[in-house]
C-alpha atoms as a PDB file:
ATOM      1  CA  MET A   1     180.673-133.711 292.444  1.00  0.00           C
ATOM      2  CA  PRO A   2     180.353-136.084 289.595  1.00  0.00           C
ATOM      3  CA  ALA A   3     178.615-135.224 286.300  1.00  0.00           C
ATOM      4  CA  ARG A   4     175.381-137.196 285.811  1.00  0.00           C
ATOM      5  CA  LYS A   5     174.481-138.659 282.462  1.00  0.00           C
ATOM      6  CA  ALA A   6     171.804-140.255 280.600  1.00  0.00           C
ATOM      7  CA  ASP A   7     171.461-141.250 276.938  1.00  0.00           C
ATOM      8  CA  ALA A   8     168.860-141.557 274.289  1.00  0.00           C
ATOM      9  CA  GLU A   9     168.509-143.285 270.982  1.00  0.00           C
ATOM     10  CA  TRP A  10     165.861-142.607 268.285  1.00  0.00           C
ATOM     11  CA  THR A  11     165.342-144.602 265.125  1.00  0.00           C
ATOM     12  CA  GLY A  12     163.015-143.928 262.202  1.00  0.00           C
ATOM     13  CA  SER A  13     160.833-140.931 261.299  1.00  0.00           C
ATOM     14  CA  LEU A  14     159.263-138.521 263.944  1.00  0.00           C
ATOM     15  CA  ARG A  15     155.822-139.992 263.702  1.00  0.00           C
ATOM     16  CA  GLU A  16     156.458-143.600 263.108  1.00  0.00           C
ATOM     17  CA  GLY A  17     159.865-143.787 264.923  1.00  0.00           C
ATOM     18  CA  ALA A  18     160.660-144.838 268.519  1.00  0.00           C
ATOM     19  CA  GLY A  19     163.246-144.129 271.098  1.00  0.00           C
ATOM     20  CA  LYS A  20     164.690-145.429 274.283  1.00  0.00           C
ATOM     21  CA  VAL A  21     166.016-143.227 277.151  1.00  0.00           C
ATOM     22  CA  ARG A  22     168.487-144.608 279.807  1.00  0.00           C
ATOM     23  CA  LEU A  23     169.844-143.252 282.889  1.00  0.00           C
ATOM     24  CA  GLY A  24     173.453-143.510 283.487  1.00  0.00           C
ATOM     25  CA  SER A  25     173.028-145.265 286.774  1.00  0.00           C
ATOM     26  CA  GLY A  26     170.809-147.919 285.281  1.00  0.00           C
ATOM     27  CA  ALA A  27     167.932-147.063 287.597  1.00  0.00           C
ATOM     28  CA  PHE A  28     165.551-146.385 284.836  1.00  0.00           C
ATOM     29  CA  GLU A  29     165.080-147.217 281.060  1.00  0.00           C
ATOM     30  CA  GLY A  30     162.077-146.385 279.040  1.00  0.00           C
ATOM     31  CA  ASN A  31     160.558-146.174 275.522  1.00  0.00           C
ATOM     32  CA  TYR A  32     159.417-143.017 274.109  1.00  0.00           C
ATOM     33  CA  SER A  33     157.668-142.074 270.914  1.00  0.00           C
ATOM     34  CA  PHE A  34     155.762-139.401 269.113  1.00  0.00           C
ATOM     35  CA  ARG A  35     152.593-141.003 270.708  1.00  0.00           C
ATOM     36  CA  THR A  36     153.911-141.125 274.174  1.00  0.00           C
ATOM     37  CA  ARG A  37     154.897-137.474 273.876  1.00  0.00           C
ATOM     38  CA  PHE A  38     151.988-135.908 272.153  1.00  0.00           C
ATOM     39  CA  GLU A  39     149.246-138.325 272.807  1.00  0.00           C
ATOM     40  CA  ASN A  40     148.475-140.669 275.720  1.00  0.00           C
ATOM     41  CA  GLU A  41     150.199-143.939 274.666  1.00  0.00           C
ATOM     42  CA  PRO A  42     151.999-145.843 277.437  1.00  0.00           C
ATOM     43  CA  GLY A  43     155.729-144.884 277.754  1.00  0.00           C
ATOM     44  CA  THR A  44     157.640-142.004 278.790  1.00  0.00           C
ATOM     45  CA  ASN A  45     158.606-138.641 277.340  1.00  0.00           C
ATOM     46  CA  PRO A  46     161.155-135.904 277.982  1.00  0.00           C
ATOM     47  CA  GLU A  47     158.642-133.632 279.748  1.00  0.00           C
ATOM     48  CA  GLU A  48     157.767-136.512 282.173  1.00  0.00           C
ATOM     49  CA  LEU A  49     161.455-136.934 282.932  1.00  0.00           C
ATOM     50  CA  ILE A  50     161.909-133.265 283.552  1.00  0.00           C
ATOM     51  CA  ALA A  51     158.838-133.354 285.845  1.00  0.00           C
ATOM     52  CA  ALA A  52     160.490-136.181 288.000  1.00  0.00           C
ATOM     53  CA  ALA A  53     163.638-134.356 288.152  1.00  0.00           C
ATOM     54  CA  HIS A  54     161.977-131.149 289.184  1.00  0.00           C
ATOM     55  CA  ALA A  55     159.943-132.795 291.920  1.00  0.00           C
ATOM     56  CA  GLY A  56     162.780-134.702 293.280  1.00  0.00           C
ATOM     57  CA  CYS A  57     165.058-131.767 293.372  1.00  0.00           C
ATOM     58  CA  PHE A  58     162.373-129.376 294.967  1.00  0.00           C
ATOM     59  CA  SER A  59     161.636-131.915 297.783  1.00  0.00           C
ATOM     60  CA  MET A  60     165.364-132.310 298.574  1.00  0.00           C
ATOM     61  CA  ALA A  61     165.949-128.540 298.418  1.00  0.00           C
ATOM     62  CA  LEU A  62     162.866-127.961 300.710  1.00  0.00           C
ATOM     63  CA  THR A  63     164.215-130.547 303.217  1.00  0.00           C
ATOM     64  CA  ALA A  64     167.677-128.927 303.222  1.00  0.00           C
ATOM     65  CA  GLY A  65     166.307-125.394 303.896  1.00  0.00           C
ATOM     66  CA  LEU A  66     164.009-126.839 306.555  1.00  0.00           C
ATOM     67  CA  ASN A  67     166.807-128.656 308.200  1.00  0.00           C
ATOM     68  CA  LYS A  68     169.003-125.652 308.069  1.00  0.00           C
ATOM     69  CA  ALA A  69     166.262-123.570 309.779  1.00  0.00           C
ATOM     70  CA  GLY A  70     165.933-126.160 312.475  1.00  0.00           C
ATOM     71  CA  PHE A  71     162.861-128.249 311.306  1.00  0.00           C
ATOM     72  CA  GLN A  72     162.727-131.908 310.623  1.00  0.00           C
ATOM     73  CA  PRO A  73     160.066-132.788 308.006  1.00  0.00           C
ATOM     74  CA  LYS A  74     158.476-136.213 308.413  1.00  0.00           C
ATOM     75  CA  ARG A  75     157.293-136.231 304.708  1.00  0.00           C
ATOM     76  CA  ILE A  76     157.510-134.008 301.643  1.00  0.00           C
ATOM     77  CA  HIS A  77     155.434-135.204 298.509  1.00  0.00           C
ATOM     78  CA  THR A  78     155.840-133.076 295.487  1.00  0.00           C
ATOM     79  CA  THR A  79     154.202-133.498 291.997  1.00  0.00           C
ATOM     80  CA  ALA A  80     155.394-131.404 289.075  1.00  0.00           C
ATOM     81  CA  ASN A  81     153.185-130.842 286.013  1.00  0.00           C
ATOM     82  CA  VAL A  82     155.139-129.873 282.883  1.00  0.00           C
ATOM     83  CA  ASN A  83     153.033-128.206 280.148  1.00  0.00           C
ATOM     84  CA  LEU A  84     154.314-128.514 276.707  1.00  0.00           C
ATOM     85  CA  GLU A  85     152.503-126.262 274.108  1.00  0.00           C
ATOM     86  CA  LYS A  86     152.898-125.197 270.577  1.00  0.00           C
ATOM     87  CA  VAL A  87     154.011-121.476 270.543  1.00  0.00           C
ATOM     88  CA  GLY A  88     154.195-120.137 267.025  1.00  0.00           C
ATOM     89  CA  GLU A  89     155.903-122.888 264.924  1.00  0.00           C
ATOM     90  CA  ALA A  90     157.737-124.566 267.840  1.00  0.00           C
ATOM     91  CA  PHE A  91     156.863-126.621 270.940  1.00  0.00           C
ATOM     92  CA  THR A  92     157.779-124.868 274.259  1.00  0.00           C
ATOM     93  CA  ILE A  93     157.513-125.812 277.918  1.00  0.00           C
ATOM     94  CA  THR A  94     155.390-122.965 278.894  1.00  0.00           C
ATOM     95  CA  LYS A  95     154.513-123.768 282.496  1.00  0.00           C
ATOM     96  CA  ILE A  96     155.658-125.930 285.426  1.00  0.00           C
ATOM     97  CA  GLU A  97     153.324-126.280 288.384  1.00  0.00           C
ATOM     98  CA  LEU A  98     154.723-127.658 291.681  1.00  0.00           C
ATOM     99  CA  GLU A  99     152.297-129.221 294.136  1.00  0.00           C
ATOM    100  CA  CYS A 100     153.770-129.885 297.458  1.00  0.00           C
ATOM    101  CA  GLU A 101     152.372-131.476 300.626  1.00  0.00           C
ATOM    102  CA  ALA A 102     154.586-131.512 303.660  1.00  0.00           C
ATOM    103  CA  GLU A 103     154.337-132.756 307.231  1.00  0.00           C
ATOM    104  CA  VAL A 104     156.727-130.572 309.177  1.00  0.00           C
ATOM    105  CA  PRO A 105     156.257-130.575 313.073  1.00  0.00           C
ATOM    106  CA  ASP A 106     156.367-127.382 314.957  1.00  0.00           C
ATOM    107  CA  ILE A 107     156.365-124.964 312.051  1.00  0.00           C
ATOM    108  CA  ASP A 108     153.983-122.060 311.252  1.00  0.00           C
ATOM    109  CA  ASP A 109     152.636-121.718 307.736  1.00  0.00           C
ATOM    110  CA  ALA A 110     154.326-118.326 307.052  1.00  0.00           C
ATOM    111  CA  THR A 111     157.759-119.976 307.805  1.00  0.00           C
ATOM    112  CA  PHE A 112     156.943-122.952 305.758  1.00  0.00           C
ATOM    113  CA  GLN A 113     155.824-120.799 302.867  1.00  0.00           C
ATOM    114  CA  GLN A 114     159.059-118.882 303.010  1.00  0.00           C
ATOM    115  CA  GLN A 115     161.036-122.098 302.933  1.00  0.00           C
ATOM    116  CA  ALA A 116     159.003-123.466 300.124  1.00  0.00           C
ATOM    117  CA  LYS A 117     159.471-120.293 298.001  1.00  0.00           C
ATOM    118  CA  GLY A 118     163.342-120.460 298.600  1.00  0.00           C
ATOM    119  CA  ALA A 119     163.422-124.056 297.548  1.00  0.00           C
ATOM    120  CA  LYS A 120     161.600-123.195 294.305  1.00  0.00           C
ATOM    121  CA  GLU A 121     163.765-120.418 293.462  1.00  0.00           C
ATOM    122  CA  ASN A 122     167.040-122.204 294.460  1.00  0.00           C
ATOM    123  CA  CYS A 123     166.883-125.798 293.709  1.00  0.00           C
ATOM    124  CA  PRO A 124     169.262-126.593 290.796  1.00  0.00           C
ATOM    125  CA  ILE A 125     166.517-127.901 288.542  1.00  0.00           C
ATOM    126  CA  SER A 126     164.418-124.720 288.912  1.00  0.00           C
ATOM    127  CA  LYS A 127     167.591-122.723 288.091  1.00  0.00           C
ATOM    128  CA  ALA A 128     168.327-124.888 285.052  1.00  0.00           C
ATOM    129  CA  LEU A 129     164.684-124.480 283.977  1.00  0.00           C
ATOM    130  CA  SER A 130     164.679-120.553 284.264  1.00  0.00           C
ATOM    131  CA  GLY A 131     163.820-120.204 280.660  1.00  0.00           C
ATOM    132  CA  VAL A 132     160.235-121.531 281.368  1.00  0.00           C
ATOM    133  CA  GLU A 133     157.981-118.601 281.423  1.00  0.00           C
ATOM    134  CA  THR A 134     156.054-119.651 284.500  1.00  0.00           C
ATOM    135  CA  ILE A 135     156.845-121.925 287.499  1.00  0.00           C
ATOM    136  CA  THR A 136     154.118-121.851 290.096  1.00  0.00           C
ATOM    137  CA  LEU A 137     154.073-123.460 293.610  1.00  0.00           C
ATOM    138  CA  ASN A 138     151.240-124.610 295.689  1.00  0.00           C
ATOM    139  CA  ALA A 139     152.654-125.703 298.952  1.00  0.00           C
ATOM    140  CA  ARG A 140     150.577-127.029 301.839  1.00  0.00           C
ATOM    141  CA  LEU A 141     151.252-128.186 305.346  1.00  0.00           C
ATOM    142  CA  VAL A 142     149.388-131.446 306.159  1.00  0.00           C
END
C-alpha cells in the first residue's frame, strides 16, 4: 500500500501567525491559525482534520465488516467530534465521539451494534488514536 502524505507550513508567531495544510492528493488545501483552532474563526485546524479522517475510516471499516458478515448497507453516515482540552500545561485530545446512522437492510440491532463496535476498535484511525483517553460510539439503525 502506498504511504499517504500531507504537508503544513506555518509562518509567524503562535497567536498572530497562520498556516496552510495540503493533502498530498491535492483534494484539500486549507488555512489554519490560532483563531481557527482555539476560537471560531473560519478555516480548518488539526482536530477537524482528525475528525474527518476518523469518520471516514470508521464508515469504511463498518461497511467492510457488514459486507463480510453478508450485509449490504445502503448508507452509513458518521460524524466525529474531537475534543481538545487543556490538561495541566498542555493541550490534549481528551475525547472523540463517533455518531453513526446507518441504513442496513435485514440486520437486527444486536448484530449491527456488534459490527459497529468492531469497526470502532479496529479501524486504522481508531488504532492510531489509541492514546486518546475516551472514544465513544453511538450507532443507530435508521
